[in-house]
């Protein structure tokens, strides 16, 4: 695979990670606001927090994969 193709693939993966992070953050803000407005129980609101935490952990794992791929390509 050419270096240009590798760089564009890494850039695409980086954009996907950015979308995951932004989407998770927007979900978390909306869920917190809606949960407070609707008077949802703390248990349901905690579930939304755990879902958001899962999204951030997924993004972190994706970032780690991109970093490892770059390390492999450089070495």
PDB file of N, CA and C in Angstrom:
ATOM      1  N   UNK A   1       0.844  -1.170   0.000  1.00  0.00           N
ATOM      2  CA  UNK A   1       0.000   0.000   0.000  1.00  0.00           C
ATOM      3  C   UNK A   1       0.896   1.242   0.000  1.00  0.00           C
ATOM      4  N   UNK A   2       0.587   2.202  -0.845  1.00  0.00           N
ATOM      5  CA  UNK A   2       1.382   3.416  -0.947  1.00  0.00           C
ATOM      6  C   UNK A   2       1.203   4.278   0.293  1.00  0.00           C
ATOM      7  N   UNK A   3       2.197   5.120   0.539  1.00  0.00           N
ATOM      8  CA  UNK A   3       2.159   5.975   1.730  1.00  0.00           C
ATOM      9  C   UNK A   3       0.965   6.927   1.692  1.00  0.00           C
ATOM     10  N   UNK A   4       0.655   7.440   0.513  1.00  0.00           N
ATOM     11  CA  UNK A   4      -0.486   8.347   0.378  1.00  0.00           C
ATOM     12  C   UNK A   4      -1.793   7.643   0.757  1.00  0.00           C
ATOM     13  N   UNK A   5      -1.963   6.406   0.293  1.00  0.00           N
ATOM     14  CA  UNK A   5      -3.173   5.644   0.618  1.00  0.00           C
ATOM     15  C   UNK A   5      -3.245   5.361   2.118  1.00  0.00           C
ATOM     16  N   UNK A   6      -2.097   5.051   2.723  1.00  0.00           N
ATOM     17  CA  UNK A   6      -2.052   4.784   4.154  1.00  0.00           C
ATOM     18  C   UNK A   6      -2.440   6.029   4.953  1.00  0.00           C
ATOM     19  N   UNK A   7      -1.901   7.188   4.527  1.00  0.00           N
ATOM     20  CA  UNK A   7      -2.220   8.436   5.215  1.00  0.00           C
ATOM     21  C   UNK A   7      -3.691   8.788   5.085  1.00  0.00           C
ATOM     22  N   UNK A   8      -4.264   8.588   3.901  1.00  0.00           N
ATOM     23  CA  UNK A   8      -5.684   8.908   3.727  1.00  0.00           C
ATOM     24  C   UNK A   8      -6.556   7.937   4.516  1.00  0.00           C
ATOM     25  N   UNK A   9      -6.127   6.690   4.646  1.00  0.00           N
ATOM     26  CA  UNK A   9      -6.883   5.718   5.446  1.00  0.00           C
ATOM     27  C   UNK A   9      -6.837   6.099   6.926  1.00  0.00           C
ATOM     28  N   UNK A  10      -5.672   6.523   7.392  1.00  0.00           N
ATOM     29  CA  UNK A  10      -5.560   6.950   8.787  1.00  0.00           C
ATOM     30  C   UNK A  10      -6.370   8.219   9.035  1.00  0.00           C
ATOM     31  N   UNK A  11      -6.387   9.112   8.072  1.00  0.00           N
ATOM     32  CA  UNK A  11      -7.181  10.335   8.201  1.00  0.00           C
ATOM     33  C   UNK A  11      -8.668   9.995   8.266  1.00  0.00           C
ATOM     34  N   UNK A  12      -9.104   9.030   7.459  1.00  0.00           N
ATOM     35  CA  UNK A  12     -10.507   8.614   7.476  1.00  0.00           C
ATOM     36  C   UNK A  12     -10.863   8.037   8.836  1.00  0.00           C
ATOM     37  N   UNK A  13      -9.989   7.189   9.372  1.00  0.00           N
ATOM     38  CA  UNK A  13     -10.239   6.604  10.688  1.00  0.00           C
ATOM     39  C   UNK A  13     -10.264   7.679  11.766  1.00  0.00           C
ATOM     40  N   UNK A  14      -9.402   8.677  11.631  1.00  0.00           N
ATOM     41  CA  UNK A  14      -9.395   9.792  12.579  1.00  0.00           C
ATOM     42  C   UNK A  14     -10.696  10.571  12.547  1.00  0.00           C
ATOM     43  N   UNK A  15     -11.246  10.770  11.351  1.00  0.00           N
ATOM     44  CA  UNK A  15     -12.533  11.469  11.233  1.00  0.00           C
ATOM     45  C   UNK A  15     -13.655  10.657  11.868  1.00  0.00           C
ATOM     46  N   UNK A  16     -13.606   9.349  11.699  1.00  0.00           N
ATOM     47  CA  UNK A  16     -14.625   8.487  12.314  1.00  0.00           C
ATOM     48  C   UNK A  16     -14.552   8.590  13.830  1.00  0.00           C
ATOM     49  N   UNK A  17     -13.328   8.593  14.379  1.00  0.00           N
ATOM     50  CA  UNK A  17     -13.162   8.734  15.824  1.00  0.00           C
ATOM     51  C   UNK A  17     -13.730  10.068  16.290  1.00  0.00           C
ATOM     52  N   UNK A  18     -13.467  11.126  15.541  1.00  0.00           N
ATOM     53  CA  UNK A  18     -13.986  12.441  15.904  1.00  0.00           C
ATOM     54  C   UNK A  18     -15.518  12.442  15.913  1.00  0.00           C
ATOM     55  N   UNK A  19     -16.118  11.778  14.949  1.00  0.00           N
ATOM     56  CA  UNK A  19     -17.581  11.697  14.887  1.00  0.00           C
ATOM     57  C   UNK A  19     -18.117  10.900  16.073  1.00  0.00           C
ATOM     58  N   UNK A  20     -17.439   9.810  16.435  1.00  0.00           N
ATOM     59  CA  UNK A  20     -17.870   9.006  17.583  1.00  0.00           C
ATOM     60  C   UNK A  20     -17.809   9.835  18.860  1.00  0.00           C
ATOM     61  N   UNK A  21     -16.718  10.579  19.050  1.00  0.00           N
ATOM     62  CA  UNK A  21     -16.574  11.394  20.252  1.00  0.00           C
ATOM     63  C   UNK A  21     -17.635  12.488  20.292  1.00  0.00           C
ATOM     64  N   UNK A  22     -17.805  13.197  19.185  1.00  0.00           N
ATOM     65  CA  UNK A  22     -18.794  14.276  19.144  1.00  0.00           C
ATOM     66  C   UNK A  22     -20.214  13.737  19.321  1.00  0.00           C
ATOM     67  N   UNK A  23     -20.516  12.632  18.669  1.00  0.00           N
ATOM     68  CA  UNK A  23     -21.852  12.042  18.810  1.00  0.00           C
ATOM     69  C   UNK A  23     -22.131  11.571  20.221  1.00  0.00           C
ATOM     70  N   UNK A  24     -21.127  10.973  20.845  1.00  0.00           N
ATOM     71  CA  UNK A  24     -21.295  10.514  22.222  1.00  0.00           C
ATOM     72  C   UNK A  24     -21.502  11.697  23.152  1.00  0.00           C
ATOM     73  N   UNK A  25     -20.733  12.755  22.945  1.00  0.00           N
ATOM     74  CA  UNK A  25     -20.882  13.940  23.793  1.00  0.00           C
ATOM     75  C   UNK A  25     -22.264  14.567  23.631  1.00  0.00           C
ATOM     76  N   UNK A  26     -22.726  14.674  22.386  1.00  0.00           N
ATOM     77  CA  UNK A  26     -24.062  15.234  22.157  1.00  0.00           C
ATOM     78  C   UNK A  26     -25.151  14.358  22.771  1.00  0.00           C
ATOM     79  N   UNK A  27     -24.999  13.037  22.630  1.00  0.00           N
ATOM     80  CA  UNK A  27     -25.951  12.121  23.251  1.00  0.00           C
ATOM     81  C   UNK A  27     -25.978  12.316  24.758  1.00  0.00           C
ATOM     82  N   UNK A  28     -24.803  12.402  25.356  1.00  0.00           N
ATOM     83  CA  UNK A  28     -24.701  12.527  26.811  1.00  0.00           C
ATOM     84  C   UNK A  28     -25.350  13.822  27.304  1.00  0.00           C
ATOM     85  N   UNK A  29     -25.077  14.926  26.604  1.00  0.00           N
ATOM     86  CA  UNK A  29     -25.678  16.210  26.988  1.00  0.00           C
ATOM     87  C   UNK A  29     -27.191  16.156  26.841  1.00  0.00           C
ATOM     88  N   UNK A  30     -27.666  15.636  25.717  1.00  0.00           N
ATOM     89  CA  UNK A  30     -29.108  15.548  25.476  1.00  0.00           C
ATOM     90  C   UNK A  30     -29.778  14.620  26.487  1.00  0.00           C
ATOM     91  N   UNK A  31     -29.165  13.482  26.766  1.00  0.00           N
ATOM     92  CA  UNK A  31     -29.757  12.526  27.710  1.00  0.00           C
ATOM     93  C   UNK A  31     -29.821  13.118  29.112  1.00  0.00           C
ATOM     94  N   UNK A  32     -28.784  13.850  29.503  1.00  0.00           N
ATOM     95  CA  UNK A  32     -28.782  14.483  30.821  1.00  0.00           C
ATOM     96  C   UNK A  32     -29.879  15.531  30.912  1.00  0.00           C
ATOM     97  N   UNK A  33     -29.982  16.352  29.880  1.00  0.00           N
ATOM     98  CA  UNK A  33     -30.998  17.407  29.884  1.00  0.00           C
ATOM     99  C   UNK A  33     -32.407  16.822  29.855  1.00  0.00           C
ATOM    100  N   UNK A  34     -32.642  15.884  28.959  1.00  0.00           N
ATOM    101  CA  UNK A  34     -33.972  15.281  28.840  1.00  0.00           C
ATOM    102  C   UNK A  34     -34.326  14.501  30.102  1.00  0.00           C
ATOM    103  N   UNK A  35     -33.363  13.798  30.659  1.00  0.00           N
ATOM    104  CA  UNK A  35     -33.610  13.055  31.892  1.00  0.00           C
ATOM    105  C   UNK A  35     -34.012  13.953  33.037  1.00  0.00           C
ATOM    106  N   UNK A  36     -33.374  15.116  33.135  1.00  0.00           N
ATOM    107  CA  UNK A  36     -33.721  16.061  34.195  1.00  0.00           C
ATOM    108  C   UNK A  36     -35.095  16.678  33.944  1.00  0.00           C
ATOM    109  N   UNK A  37     -35.383  17.020  32.693  1.00  0.00           N
ATOM    110  CA  UNK A  37     -36.669  17.647  32.361  1.00  0.00           C
ATOM    111  C   UNK A  37     -37.842  16.689  32.548  1.00  0.00           C
ATOM    112  N   UNK A  38     -37.633  15.424  32.197  1.00  0.00           N
ATOM    113  CA  UNK A  38     -38.710  14.442  32.308  1.00  0.00           C
ATOM    114  C   UNK A  38     -38.795  13.838  33.706  1.00  0.00           C
ATOM    115  N   UNK A  39     -37.836  14.135  34.536  1.00  0.00           N
ATOM    116  CA  UNK A  39     -37.843  13.595  35.884  1.00  0.00           C
ATOM    117  C   UNK A  39     -37.560  12.097  35.927  1.00  0.00           C
ATOM    118  N   UNK A  40     -36.697  11.639  35.038  1.00  0.00           N
ATOM    119  CA  UNK A  40     -36.363  10.221  35.031  1.00  0.00           C
ATOM    120  C   UNK A  40     -35.612   9.851  36.311  1.00  0.00           C
ATOM    121  N   UNK A  41     -35.718   8.606  36.682  1.00  0.00           N
ATOM    122  CA  UNK A  41     -35.059   8.158  37.909  1.00  0.00           C
ATOM    123  C   UNK A  41     -33.538   8.197  37.748  1.00  0.00           C
ATOM    124  N   UNK A  42     -32.863   8.198  38.875  1.00  0.00           N
ATOM    125  CA  UNK A  42     -31.400   8.206  38.856  1.00  0.00           C
ATOM    126  C   UNK A  42     -30.846   6.950  38.191  1.00  0.00           C
ATOM    127  N   UNK A  43     -31.562   5.878  38.307  1.00  0.00           N
ATOM    128  CA  UNK A  43     -31.126   4.617  37.713  1.00  0.00           C
ATOM    129  C   UNK A  43     -31.094   4.712  36.184  1.00  0.00           C
ATOM    130  N   UNK A  44     -32.123   5.312  35.601  1.00  0.00           N
ATOM    131  CA  UNK A  44     -32.177   5.474  34.146  1.00  0.00           C
ATOM    132  C   UNK A  44     -31.108   6.467  33.686  1.00  0.00           C
ATOM    133  N   UNK A  45     -30.930   7.549  34.442  1.00  0.00           N
ATOM    134  CA  UNK A  45     -29.924   8.537  34.093  1.00  0.00           C
ATOM    135  C   UNK A  45     -28.514   7.943  34.194  1.00  0.00           C
ATOM    136  N   UNK A  46     -28.307   7.080  35.168  1.00  0.00           N
ATOM    137  CA  UNK A  46     -27.014   6.402  35.293  1.00  0.00           C
ATOM    138  C   UNK A  46     -26.785   5.463  34.111  1.00  0.00           C
ATOM    139  N   UNK A  47     -27.846   4.848  33.608  1.00  0.00           N
ATOM    140  CA  UNK A  47     -27.721   4.006  32.424  1.00  0.00           C
ATOM    141  C   UNK A  47     -27.243   4.823  31.232  1.00  0.00           C
ATOM    142  N   UNK A  48     -27.790   6.027  31.059  1.00  0.00           N
ATOM    143  CA  UNK A  48     -27.346   6.901  29.981  1.00  0.00           C
ATOM    144  C   UNK A  48     -25.869   7.269  30.164  1.00  0.00           C
ATOM    145  N   UNK A  49     -25.470   7.515  31.405  1.00  0.00           N
ATOM    146  CA  UNK A  49     -24.058   7.817  31.682  1.00  0.00           C
ATOM    147  C   UNK A  49     -23.170   6.634  31.303  1.00  0.00           C
ATOM    148  N   UNK A  50     -23.599   5.430  31.618  1.00  0.00           N
ATOM    149  CA  UNK A  50     -22.812   4.244  31.280  1.00  0.00           C
ATOM    150  C   UNK A  50     -22.719   4.033  29.772  1.00  0.00           C
ATOM    151  N   UNK A  51     -23.812   4.323  29.073  1.00  0.00           N
ATOM    152  CA  UNK A  51     -23.791   4.224  27.608  1.00  0.00           C
ATOM    153  C   UNK A  51     -22.797   5.224  27.033  1.00  0.00           C
ATOM    154  N   UNK A  52     -22.805   6.450  27.554  1.00  0.00           N
ATOM    155  CA  UNK A  52     -21.856   7.459  27.091  1.00  0.00           C
ATOM    156  C   UNK A  52     -20.426   7.046  27.422  1.00  0.00           C
ATOM    157  N   UNK A  53     -20.220   6.497  28.598  1.00  0.00           N
ATOM    158  CA  UNK A  53     -18.892   6.026  28.969  1.00  0.00           C
ATOM    159  C   UNK A  53     -18.414   4.947  27.994  1.00  0.00           C
ATOM    160  N   UNK A  54     -19.315   4.070  27.608  1.00  0.00           N
ATOM    161  CA  UNK A  54     -18.983   3.040  26.627  1.00  0.00           C
ATOM    162  C   UNK A  54     -18.577   3.645  25.288  1.00  0.00           C
ATOM    163  N   UNK A  55     -19.265   4.704  24.878  1.00  0.00           N
ATOM    164  CA  UNK A  55     -18.898   5.383  23.630  1.00  0.00           C
ATOM    165  C   UNK A  55     -17.519   6.003  23.699  1.00  0.00           C
ATOM    166  N   UNK A  56     -17.191   6.607  24.842  1.00  0.00           N
ATOM    167  CA  UNK A  56     -15.867   7.208  24.992  1.00  0.00           C
ATOM    168  C   UNK A  56     -14.777   6.140  25.059  1.00  0.00           C
ATOM    169  N   UNK A  57     -15.064   5.026  25.695  1.00  0.00           N
ATOM    170  CA  UNK A  57     -14.091   3.926  25.744  1.00  0.00           C
ATOM    171  C   UNK A  57     -13.869   3.359  24.340  1.00  0.00           C
ATOM    172  N   UNK A  58     -14.938   3.226  23.571  1.00  0.00           N
ATOM    173  CA  UNK A  58     -14.804   2.778  22.185  1.00  0.00           C
ATOM    174  C   UNK A  58     -13.910   3.730  21.395  1.00  0.00           C
ATOM    175  N   UNK A  59     -14.128   5.031  21.556  1.00  0.00           N
ATOM    176  CA  UNK A  59     -13.303   6.014  20.852  1.00  0.00           C
ATOM    177  C   UNK A  59     -11.836   5.895  21.280  1.00  0.00           C
ATOM    178  N   UNK A  60     -11.601   5.693  22.562  1.00  0.00           N
ATOM    179  CA  UNK A  60     -10.236   5.531  23.049  1.00  0.00           C
ATOM    180  C   UNK A  60      -9.575   4.293  22.446  1.00  0.00           C
ATOM    181  N   UNK A  61     -10.334   3.213  22.334  1.00  0.00           N
ATOM    182  CA  UNK A  61      -9.799   1.989  21.710  1.00  0.00           C
ATOM    183  C   UNK A  61      -9.485   2.231  20.241  1.00  0.00           C
ATOM    184  N   UNK A  62     -10.321   2.983  19.558  1.00  0.00           N
ATOM    185  CA  UNK A  62     -10.079   3.289  18.150  1.00  0.00           C
ATOM    186  C   UNK A  62      -8.825   4.153  17.993  1.00  0.00           C
ATOM    187  N   UNK A  63      -8.640   5.112  18.895  1.00  0.00           N
ATOM    188  CA  UNK A  63      -7.447   5.954  18.859  1.00  0.00           C
ATOM    189  C   UNK A  63      -6.203   5.102  19.078  1.00  0.00           C
ATOM    190  N   UNK A  64      -6.279   4.169  20.004  1.00  0.00           N
ATOM    191  CA  UNK A  64      -5.151   3.287  20.270  1.00  0.00           C
ATOM    192  C   UNK A  64      -4.814   2.456  19.030  1.00  0.00           C
ATOM    193  N   UNK A  65      -5.812   1.965  18.327  1.00  0.00           N
ATOM    194  CA  UNK A  65      -5.573   1.191  17.107  1.00  0.00           C
ATOM    195  C   UNK A  65      -4.884   2.038  16.040  1.00  0.00           C
ATOM    196  N   UNK A  66      -5.317   3.283  15.895  1.00  0.00           N
ATOM    197  CA  UNK A  66      -4.683   4.173  14.921  1.00  0.00           C
ATOM    198  C   UNK A  66      -3.232   4.414  15.310  1.00  0.00           C
ATOM    199  N   UNK A  67      -2.981   4.645  16.589  1.00  0.00           N
ATOM    200  CA  UNK A  67      -1.625   4.882  17.065  1.00  0.00           C
ATOM    201  C   UNK A  67      -0.741   3.674  16.808  1.00  0.00           C
ATOM    202  N   UNK A  68      -1.250   2.471  17.101  1.00  0.00           N
ATOM    203  CA  UNK A  68      -0.470   1.251  16.872  1.00  0.00           C
ATOM    204  C   UNK A  68      -0.176   1.060  15.379  1.00  0.00           C
ATOM    205  N   UNK A  69      -1.148   1.376  14.533  1.00  0.00           N
ATOM    206  CA  UNK A  69      -0.939   1.245  13.086  1.00  0.00           C
ATOM    207  C   UNK A  69       0.165   2.196  12.621  1.00  0.00           C
ATOM    208  N   UNK A  70       0.173   3.410  13.144  1.00  0.00           N
ATOM    209  CA  UNK A  70       1.217   4.350  12.775  1.00  0.00           C
ATOM    210  C   UNK A  70       2.579   3.873  13.257  1.00  0.00           C
ATOM    211  N   UNK A  71       2.632   3.322  14.462  1.00  0.00           N
ATOM    212  CA  UNK A  71       3.896   2.809  14.982  1.00  0.00           C
ATOM    213  C   UNK A  71       4.418   1.670  14.099  1.00  0.00           C
ATOM    214  N   UNK A  72       3.522   0.830  13.657  1.00  0.00           N
ATOM    215  CA  UNK A  72       3.894  -0.295  12.794  1.00  0.00           C
ATOM    216  C   UNK A  72       4.412   0.192  11.443  1.00  0.00           C
ATOM    217  N   UNK A  73       3.766   1.208  10.909  1.00  0.00           N
ATOM    218  CA  UNK A  73       4.168   1.738   9.597  1.00  0.00           C
ATOM    219  C   UNK A  73       5.501   2.462   9.651  1.00  0.00           C
ATOM    220  N   UNK A  74       5.808   3.108  10.771  1.00  0.00           N
ATOM    221  CA  UNK A  74       7.070   3.836  10.891  1.00  0.00           C
ATOM    222  C   UNK A  74       8.245   2.905  11.118  1.00  0.00           C
ATOM    223  N   UNK A  75       8.006   1.799  11.855  1.00  0.00           N
ATOM    224  CA  UNK A  75       9.098   0.902  12.207  1.00  0.00           C
ATOM    225  C   UNK A  75       9.395  -0.045  11.133  1.00  0.00           C
TER     226      UNK A  75
END
